[in-house]
Amino acid sequence: MKKLMIGIVALAVMAGTAFEADAQGRGHQKNARKEYVKHYQKQQKHAYKYAEKRDKAYRKYYEKREKEYLKYVKDQHKHYRDHDSWYYGPRFHHHTEYVYFPAYHTYYDPYRRGYVYQQHNAWVFAPTMPSVMAGVNIGGLNVQFMANLPR
């Protein structure tokens, strides 16, 4: 009878220890999850601030570039030409991807406002439209929207 009582007490102590250890583990996991969420939110906030700063720098650059171009046009007595005005038309509205013209093997890069095409087995960037596309009605061409430019 004495051995039975000792066995029951020992079993109760082991079970109590196991339940306590499980409870501690779950609490630790909750805290770890909270820490992870805090860390993730902090990273997202930092990324957003970085993107906002980068976008502000891009806007500033493009505004300065446009101002300089208008000054050049005025000084040289030339006609103002917005080379990529077609891109802001209704067909391409709200697209932020690169525009690919399969018939001409040419890409339009809206971020740098220029064209990327292959010349002498090398990819070339030019702010003006390639000569093979001069006079082409871009609104009627078959286009594809691409996430990345070729390497």
Protein backbone atom coordinates (compact mmCIF):
# COMPACT_ATOMS: atom_id res chain seq x y z
CA MET A 1 0.00 0.00 0.00
CA LYS A 2 2.88 2.29 0.82
CA LYS A 3 4.52 1.54 -2.55
CA LEU A 4 1.25 2.27 -4.33
CA MET A 5 0.94 5.66 -2.61
CA ILE A 6 4.55 6.56 -3.47
CA GLY A 7 3.91 5.55 -7.12
CA ILE A 8 0.75 7.68 -7.32
CA VAL A 9 2.52 10.70 -5.78
CA ALA A 10 5.48 10.27 -8.13
CA LEU A 11 3.13 9.99 -11.13
CA ALA A 12 1.24 13.12 -10.01
CA VAL A 13 4.50 15.08 -9.63
CA MET A 14 5.68 14.01 -13.11
CA ALA A 15 2.32 14.90 -14.67
CA GLY A 16 2.27 18.29 -12.93
CA THR A 17 5.80 19.02 -14.15
CA ALA A 18 4.85 18.09 -17.70
CA PHE A 19 1.76 20.34 -17.66
CA GLU A 20 3.81 23.21 -16.26
CA ALA A 21 6.49 22.76 -18.92
CA ASP A 22 3.85 22.73 -21.68
CA ALA A 23 2.26 25.88 -20.35
CA GLN A 24 5.63 27.64 -20.29
CA GLY A 25 6.35 26.59 -23.85
CA ARG A 26 3.08 27.99 -25.16
CA GLY A 27 3.64 31.27 -23.38
CA HIS A 28 7.11 31.51 -24.87
CA GLN A 29 5.71 30.87 -28.34
CA LYS A 30 3.16 33.63 -27.89
CA ASN A 31 5.89 36.07 -26.90
CA ALA A 32 8.06 34.93 -29.81
CA ARG A 33 5.15 35.46 -32.20
CA LYS A 34 4.54 38.94 -30.80
CA GLU A 35 8.22 39.79 -31.21
CA TYR A 36 8.19 38.48 -34.78
CA VAL A 37 5.11 40.57 -35.63
CA LYS A 38 6.71 43.67 -34.11
CA HIS A 39 9.92 43.04 -36.05
CA TYR A 40 7.99 42.48 -39.30
CA GLN A 41 5.93 45.65 -38.83
CA LYS A 42 9.10 47.62 -38.15
CA GLN A 43 10.67 46.27 -41.36
CA GLN A 44 7.55 47.12 -43.35
CA LYS A 45 7.51 50.65 -41.94
CA HIS A 46 11.19 51.07 -42.84
CA ALA A 47 10.61 49.70 -46.35
CA TYR A 48 7.68 52.07 -46.84
CA LYS A 49 9.74 55.06 -45.70
CA TYR A 50 12.57 54.00 -48.02
CA ALA A 51 10.17 53.63 -50.97
CA GLU A 52 8.63 57.02 -50.21
CA LYS A 53 12.08 58.61 -50.08
CA ARG A 54 13.11 56.88 -53.32
CA ASP A 55 9.91 57.97 -55.08
CA LYS A 56 10.44 61.54 -53.93
CA ALA A 57 13.98 61.44 -55.35
CA TYR A 58 12.66 60.07 -58.67
CA ARG A 59 10.01 62.78 -58.89
CA LYS A 60 12.61 65.43 -58.14
CA TYR A 61 14.95 64.04 -60.80
CA TYR A 62 12.24 63.85 -63.47
CA GLU A 63 10.91 67.32 -62.66
CA LYS A 64 14.44 68.73 -62.97
CA ARG A 65 15.01 66.82 -66.21
CA GLU A 66 11.73 68.10 -67.68
CA LYS A 67 12.57 71.66 -66.65
CA GLU A 68 16.00 71.42 -68.30
CA TYR A 69 14.48 69.97 -71.46
CA LEU A 70 11.93 72.78 -71.68
CA LYS A 71 14.73 75.31 -71.23
CA TYR A 72 16.72 73.60 -74.02
CA VAL A 73 13.70 73.62 -76.33
CA LYS A 74 13.12 77.30 -75.70
CA ASP A 75 16.80 78.26 -76.13
CA GLN A 76 17.23 76.24 -79.33
CA HIS A 77 13.88 77.38 -80.81
CA LYS A 78 12.74 73.81 -81.27
CA HIS A 79 9.34 72.18 -80.92
CA TYR A 80 8.62 70.47 -77.62
CA ARG A 81 8.17 66.74 -78.12
CA ASP A 82 7.09 64.40 -75.38
CA HIS A 83 8.52 61.21 -76.85
CA ASP A 84 6.49 58.93 -74.65
CA SER A 85 3.14 60.74 -74.72
CA TRP A 86 1.61 57.60 -76.25
CA TYR A 87 2.37 55.76 -73.00
CA TYR A 88 0.00 57.97 -71.02
CA GLY A 89 -2.93 57.33 -73.38
CA PRO A 90 -6.01 55.25 -72.47
CA ARG A 91 -4.56 51.98 -73.81
CA PHE A 92 -1.62 51.96 -71.39
CA HIS A 93 -3.31 53.72 -68.47
CA HIS A 94 -2.35 52.26 -65.05
CA HIS A 95 0.32 49.91 -66.44
CA THR A 96 3.66 50.12 -64.66
CA GLU A 97 5.33 47.25 -66.49
CA TYR A 98 7.72 47.45 -69.41
CA VAL A 99 6.02 47.55 -72.80
CA TYR A 100 7.36 45.05 -75.33
CA PHE A 101 6.82 45.50 -79.07
CA PRO A 102 7.31 41.96 -80.45
CA ALA A 103 7.32 43.02 -84.12
CA TYR A 104 10.29 45.32 -83.48
CA HIS A 105 12.00 43.43 -80.63
CA THR A 106 11.95 46.65 -78.62
CA TYR A 107 11.03 47.45 -75.02
CA TYR A 108 9.83 50.72 -73.58
CA ASP A 109 11.14 51.43 -70.07
CA PRO A 110 8.69 53.76 -68.29
CA TYR A 111 11.04 54.25 -65.34
CA ARG A 112 13.86 55.69 -67.41
CA ARG A 113 11.51 56.96 -70.14
CA GLY A 114 13.43 55.34 -72.96
CA TYR A 115 13.67 52.37 -75.26
CA VAL A 116 15.72 49.21 -74.94
CA TYR A 117 16.50 47.30 -78.12
CA GLN A 118 19.12 45.03 -79.58
CA GLN A 119 21.82 46.53 -81.77
CA HIS A 120 24.83 44.56 -83.02
CA ASN A 121 24.06 41.67 -80.59
CA ALA A 122 24.00 43.98 -77.56
CA TRP A 123 21.08 45.53 -75.69
CA VAL A 124 21.11 49.32 -76.00
CA PHE A 125 19.16 51.97 -74.08
CA ALA A 126 18.16 55.17 -75.88
CA PRO A 127 15.89 57.98 -74.71
CA THR A 128 14.50 58.29 -78.24
CA MET A 129 12.53 55.79 -80.28
CA PRO A 130 14.65 53.49 -82.50
CA SER A 131 14.71 54.49 -86.16
CA VAL A 132 12.92 51.28 -87.23
CA MET A 133 9.85 52.46 -85.30
CA ALA A 134 9.85 56.02 -86.65
CA GLY A 135 6.46 56.98 -88.03
CA VAL A 136 4.74 53.85 -86.68
CA ASN A 137 1.30 54.19 -85.09
CA ILE A 138 2.10 52.76 -81.66
CA GLY A 139 -1.55 52.79 -80.65
CA GLY A 140 -2.27 50.09 -83.23
CA LEU A 141 0.71 47.82 -82.52
CA ASN A 142 0.54 44.47 -80.77
CA VAL A 143 2.20 44.88 -77.35
CA GLN A 144 2.97 42.78 -74.30
CA PHE A 145 3.54 43.98 -70.75
CA MET A 146 6.67 42.53 -69.14
CA ALA A 147 7.76 42.53 -65.50
CA ASN A 148 11.49 42.62 -66.31
CA LEU A 149 13.80 43.60 -69.12
CA PRO A 150 16.02 40.99 -70.79
CA ARG A 151 19.57 40.60 -69.57
